[in-house]
C-alpha atoms as a PDB file:
ATOM      1  CA  UNK A   1       9.122 -21.199  15.513  1.00  0.00           C
ATOM      2  CA  UNK A   2       9.903 -24.944  15.294  1.00  0.00           C
ATOM      3  CA  UNK A   3       7.059 -27.384  15.665  1.00  0.00           C
ATOM      4  CA  UNK A   4       7.162 -30.191  18.191  1.00  0.00           C
ATOM      5  CA  UNK A   5       7.053 -33.766  16.937  1.00  0.00           C
ATOM      6  CA  UNK A   6       3.462 -34.320  18.063  1.00  0.00           C
ATOM      7  CA  UNK A   7       2.134 -31.249  16.222  1.00  0.00           C
ATOM      8  CA  UNK A   8       0.677 -31.645  12.755  1.00  0.00           C
ATOM      9  CA  UNK A   9       2.247 -29.489  10.094  1.00  0.00           C
ATOM     10  CA  UNK A  10       0.172 -27.675   7.528  1.00  0.00           C
ATOM     11  CA  UNK A  11       0.468 -28.475   3.831  1.00  0.00           C
ATOM     12  CA  UNK A  12       3.080 -26.500   1.880  1.00  0.00           C
ATOM     13  CA  UNK A  13       0.504 -24.325   0.094  1.00  0.00           C
ATOM     14  CA  UNK A  14      -1.060 -23.319   3.418  1.00  0.00           C
ATOM     15  CA  UNK A  15       2.314 -22.575   5.001  1.00  0.00           C
ATOM     16  CA  UNK A  16       3.052 -20.265   2.075  1.00  0.00           C
ATOM     17  CA  UNK A  17      -0.021 -18.226   2.987  1.00  0.00           C
ATOM     18  CA  UNK A  18       0.900 -18.097   6.684  1.00  0.00           C
ATOM     19  CA  UNK A  19       2.753 -14.832   7.453  1.00  0.00           C
ATOM     20  CA  UNK A  20       3.959 -16.264  10.790  1.00  0.00           C
ATOM     21  CA  UNK A  21       5.781 -19.140   9.119  1.00  0.00           C
ATOM     22  CA  UNK A  22       9.475 -18.326   9.407  1.00  0.00           C
ATOM     23  CA  UNK A  23      10.480 -20.207   6.253  1.00  0.00           C
ATOM     24  CA  UNK A  24       8.113 -18.208   4.040  1.00  0.00           C
ATOM     25  CA  UNK A  25       8.891 -14.878   5.666  1.00  0.00           C
ATOM     26  CA  UNK A  26      12.642 -15.345   5.289  1.00  0.00           C
ATOM     27  CA  UNK A  27      12.242 -16.495   1.683  1.00  0.00           C
ATOM     28  CA  UNK A  28      10.149 -13.447   0.806  1.00  0.00           C
ATOM     29  CA  UNK A  29      12.475 -11.027   2.574  1.00  0.00           C
ATOM     30  CA  UNK A  30      15.584 -12.332   0.818  1.00  0.00           C
ATOM     31  CA  UNK A  31      14.045 -12.707  -2.628  1.00  0.00           C
ATOM     32  CA  UNK A  32      16.114 -10.508  -4.936  1.00  0.00           C
ATOM     33  CA  UNK A  33      13.223 -10.194  -7.388  1.00  0.00           C
ATOM     34  CA  UNK A  34      13.723  -8.791 -10.850  1.00  0.00           C
ATOM     35  CA  UNK A  35      16.843  -6.924 -11.902  1.00  0.00           C
ATOM     36  CA  UNK A  36      16.515  -3.127 -11.897  1.00  0.00           C
ATOM     37  CA  UNK A  37      16.346  -2.912 -15.701  1.00  0.00           C
ATOM     38  CA  UNK A  38      13.377  -5.279 -15.793  1.00  0.00           C
ATOM     39  CA  UNK A  39      11.676  -3.439 -12.951  1.00  0.00           C
ATOM     40  CA  UNK A  40      11.908  -0.153 -14.866  1.00  0.00           C
ATOM     41  CA  UNK A  41      10.342  -1.766 -17.918  1.00  0.00           C
ATOM     42  CA  UNK A  42       7.590  -3.323 -15.782  1.00  0.00           C
ATOM     43  CA  UNK A  43       6.900   0.018 -14.077  1.00  0.00           C
ATOM     44  CA  UNK A  44       6.670   1.765 -17.459  1.00  0.00           C
ATOM     45  CA  UNK A  45       4.339  -0.907 -18.868  1.00  0.00           C
ATOM     46  CA  UNK A  46       1.995  -0.964 -15.856  1.00  0.00           C
ATOM     47  CA  UNK A  47       1.878   2.833 -15.687  1.00  0.00           C
ATOM     48  CA  UNK A  48       1.224   3.205 -19.417  1.00  0.00           C
ATOM     49  CA  UNK A  49      -1.428   0.500 -19.415  1.00  0.00           C
ATOM     50  CA  UNK A  50      -3.234   1.961 -16.410  1.00  0.00           C
ATOM     51  CA  UNK A  51      -3.163   5.531 -17.725  1.00  0.00           C
ATOM     52  CA  UNK A  52      -4.350   4.493 -21.194  1.00  0.00           C
ATOM     53  CA  UNK A  53      -7.111   2.333 -19.715  1.00  0.00           C
ATOM     54  CA  UNK A  54      -8.369   5.118 -17.457  1.00  0.00           C
ATOM     55  CA  UNK A  55      -8.234   7.919 -20.042  1.00  0.00           C
ATOM     56  CA  UNK A  56      -9.520   5.764 -22.905  1.00  0.00           C
ATOM     57  CA  UNK A  57     -12.465   4.369 -20.987  1.00  0.00           C
ATOM     58  CA  UNK A  58     -13.372   7.765 -19.527  1.00  0.00           C
ATOM     59  CA  UNK A  59     -13.339   9.157 -23.065  1.00  0.00           C
ATOM     60  CA  UNK A  60     -15.586   6.346 -24.316  1.00  0.00           C
ATOM     61  CA  UNK A  61     -18.023   6.849 -21.432  1.00  0.00           C
ATOM     62  CA  UNK A  62     -18.210  10.620 -21.971  1.00  0.00           C
ATOM     63  CA  UNK A  63     -18.559  10.395 -25.766  1.00  0.00           C
ATOM     64  CA  UNK A  64     -21.235   7.700 -25.650  1.00  0.00           C
ATOM     65  CA  UNK A  65     -23.128   9.356 -22.794  1.00  0.00           C
ATOM     66  CA  UNK A  66     -23.131  12.890 -24.201  1.00  0.00           C
ATOM     67  CA  UNK A  67     -23.456  12.091 -27.912  1.00  0.00           C
ATOM     68  CA  UNK A  68     -26.970  12.210 -29.371  1.00  0.00           C
ATOM     69  CA  UNK A  69     -26.435  10.495 -32.750  1.00  0.00           C
ATOM     70  CA  UNK A  70     -27.625   7.008 -31.948  1.00  0.00           C
ATOM     71  CA  UNK A  71     -29.521   5.325 -29.169  1.00  0.00           C
ATOM     72  CA  UNK A  72     -28.866   1.670 -29.891  1.00  0.00           C
ATOM     73  CA  UNK A  73     -28.443  -1.379 -27.708  1.00  0.00           C
ATOM     74  CA  UNK A  74     -24.808  -1.573 -28.771  1.00  0.00           C
ATOM     75  CA  UNK A  75     -24.220   1.795 -27.153  1.00  0.00           C
ATOM     76  CA  UNK A  76     -25.362   0.586 -23.721  1.00  0.00           C
ATOM     77  CA  UNK A  77     -23.172  -2.510 -24.039  1.00  0.00           C
ATOM     78  CA  UNK A  78     -20.153  -0.357 -24.896  1.00  0.00           C
ATOM     79  CA  UNK A  79     -20.791   1.948 -21.944  1.00  0.00           C
ATOM     80  CA  UNK A  80     -21.150  -1.047 -19.612  1.00  0.00           C
ATOM     81  CA  UNK A  81     -17.955  -2.558 -20.973  1.00  0.00           C
ATOM     82  CA  UNK A  82     -16.089   0.740 -20.562  1.00  0.00           C
ATOM     83  CA  UNK A  83     -17.329   1.120 -16.968  1.00  0.00           C
ATOM     84  CA  UNK A  84     -16.255  -2.435 -16.110  1.00  0.00           C
ATOM     85  CA  UNK A  85     -12.863  -1.908 -17.737  1.00  0.00           C
ATOM     86  CA  UNK A  86     -12.418   1.435 -15.961  1.00  0.00           C
ATOM     87  CA  UNK A  87     -13.243  -0.190 -12.635  1.00  0.00           C
ATOM     88  CA  UNK A  88     -10.687  -2.897 -13.370  1.00  0.00           C
ATOM     89  CA  UNK A  89      -8.039  -0.295 -14.220  1.00  0.00           C
ATOM     90  CA  UNK A  90      -8.667   1.639 -11.016  1.00  0.00           C
ATOM     91  CA  UNK A  91      -9.269  -1.110  -8.476  1.00  0.00           C
ATOM     92  CA  UNK A  92      -7.283  -4.090  -9.745  1.00  0.00           C
ATOM     93  CA  UNK A  93      -4.242  -3.025 -11.734  1.00  0.00           C
ATOM     94  CA  UNK A  94      -2.508  -0.906  -9.061  1.00  0.00           C
ATOM     95  CA  UNK A  95      -2.869  -3.632  -6.435  1.00  0.00           C
ATOM     96  CA  UNK A  96      -1.630  -6.321  -8.815  1.00  0.00           C
ATOM     97  CA  UNK A  97       1.303  -4.105  -9.741  1.00  0.00           C
ATOM     98  CA  UNK A  98       2.370  -3.520  -6.135  1.00  0.00           C
ATOM     99  CA  UNK A  99       2.063  -7.217  -5.287  1.00  0.00           C
ATOM    100  CA  UNK A 100       4.142  -8.083  -8.362  1.00  0.00           C
ATOM    101  CA  UNK A 101       6.880  -5.582  -7.581  1.00  0.00           C
ATOM    102  CA  UNK A 102       7.089  -6.170  -3.820  1.00  0.00           C
ATOM    103  CA  UNK A 103       6.485  -9.964  -3.844  1.00  0.00           C
ATOM    104  CA  UNK A 104       4.165  -9.365  -0.914  1.00  0.00           C
ATOM    105  CA  UNK A 105       0.682  -8.049  -0.153  1.00  0.00           C
ATOM    106  CA  UNK A 106       1.029  -4.864   1.888  1.00  0.00           C
ATOM    107  CA  UNK A 107      -2.594  -3.715   2.041  1.00  0.00           C
ATOM    108  CA  UNK A 108      -3.918  -5.999   4.771  1.00  0.00           C
ATOM    109  CA  UNK A 109      -6.281  -8.945   4.837  1.00  0.00           C
ATOM    110  CA  UNK A 110      -9.455  -6.891   4.358  1.00  0.00           C
ATOM    111  CA  UNK A 111      -8.196  -5.238   1.171  1.00  0.00           C
ATOM    112  CA  UNK A 112      -6.986  -8.608  -0.092  1.00  0.00           C
ATOM    113  CA  UNK A 113     -10.535  -9.912   0.180  1.00  0.00           C
ATOM    114  CA  UNK A 114     -12.058  -6.782  -1.379  1.00  0.00           C
ATOM    115  CA  UNK A 115      -9.637  -6.709  -4.324  1.00  0.00           C
ATOM    116  CA  UNK A 116     -10.041 -10.437  -4.983  1.00  0.00           C
ATOM    117  CA  UNK A 117     -13.830 -10.037  -4.856  1.00  0.00           C
ATOM    118  CA  UNK A 118     -13.688  -7.105  -7.286  1.00  0.00           C
ATOM    119  CA  UNK A 119     -11.419  -8.986  -9.666  1.00  0.00           C
ATOM    120  CA  UNK A 120     -13.700 -12.021  -9.747  1.00  0.00           C
ATOM    121  CA  UNK A 121     -16.830  -9.874 -10.154  1.00  0.00           C
ATOM    122  CA  UNK A 122     -15.277  -7.756 -12.892  1.00  0.00           C
ATOM    123  CA  UNK A 123     -14.016 -10.736 -14.873  1.00  0.00           C
ATOM    124  CA  UNK A 124     -17.459 -12.303 -14.585  1.00  0.00           C
ATOM    125  CA  UNK A 125     -19.153  -9.046 -15.587  1.00  0.00           C
ATOM    126  CA  UNK A 126     -16.881  -8.595 -18.585  1.00  0.00           C
ATOM    127  CA  UNK A 127     -17.588 -12.161 -19.671  1.00  0.00           C
ATOM    128  CA  UNK A 128     -21.344 -11.704 -19.292  1.00  0.00           C
ATOM    129  CA  UNK A 129     -21.298  -8.448 -21.258  1.00  0.00           C
ATOM    130  CA  UNK A 130     -19.362 -10.151 -24.038  1.00  0.00           C
ATOM    131  CA  UNK A 131     -21.772 -13.114 -24.061  1.00  0.00           C
ATOM    132  CA  UNK A 132     -24.777 -10.779 -24.161  1.00  0.00           C
ATOM    133  CA  UNK A 133     -23.220  -8.807 -27.000  1.00  0.00           C
ATOM    134  CA  UNK A 134     -22.479 -11.961 -28.996  1.00  0.00           C
ATOM    135  CA  UNK A 135     -25.949 -13.378 -28.415  1.00  0.00           C
ATOM    136  CA  UNK A 136     -27.544 -10.088 -29.376  1.00  0.00           C
ATOM    137  CA  UNK A 137     -25.530  -9.626 -32.567  1.00  0.00           C
ATOM    138  CA  UNK A 138     -25.537 -13.262 -33.752  1.00  0.00           C
ATOM    139  CA  UNK A 139     -28.351 -13.982 -36.231  1.00  0.00           C
ATOM    140  CA  UNK A 140     -30.920 -16.503 -35.021  1.00  0.00           C
ATOM    141  CA  UNK A 141     -31.446 -19.788 -36.878  1.00  0.00           C
ATOM    142  CA  UNK A 142     -34.427 -19.416 -39.212  1.00  0.00           C
ATOM    143  CA  UNK A 143     -34.496 -15.611 -38.939  1.00  0.00           C
ATOM    144  CA  UNK A 144     -33.763 -15.199 -42.646  1.00  0.00           C
ATOM    145  CA  UNK A 145     -30.627 -13.135 -42.075  1.00  0.00           C
END
């Protein structure tokens, strides 16, 4: 819909986010995207990565939760890291994959907010776990180690 001369136009980055903007909608609809060969490779990589992340992290969680050999602080960090990584593999990777392949977000505004929130929280959680692990395992100055 063309704007009248008196109407202010939104900045380009905001128009890109506006689904009612005809220029963005037509650009997205006619975007040829990746060639089929590249799409097949991308599908195989995303699928393999997601399946390995889910099965590997579930295995780590089960082994560390059921095993009775050691009860160390490192074990709880590894379980927390595996849970965060598993959550990322389940709640972030499939949505990122579909947005990458379709060049559009098809899950609605509410899911966009939820997935973005989860991604930010999970990246922050993974960073905090790593910082806690490093601080815990790094010898203190003057500790004699």
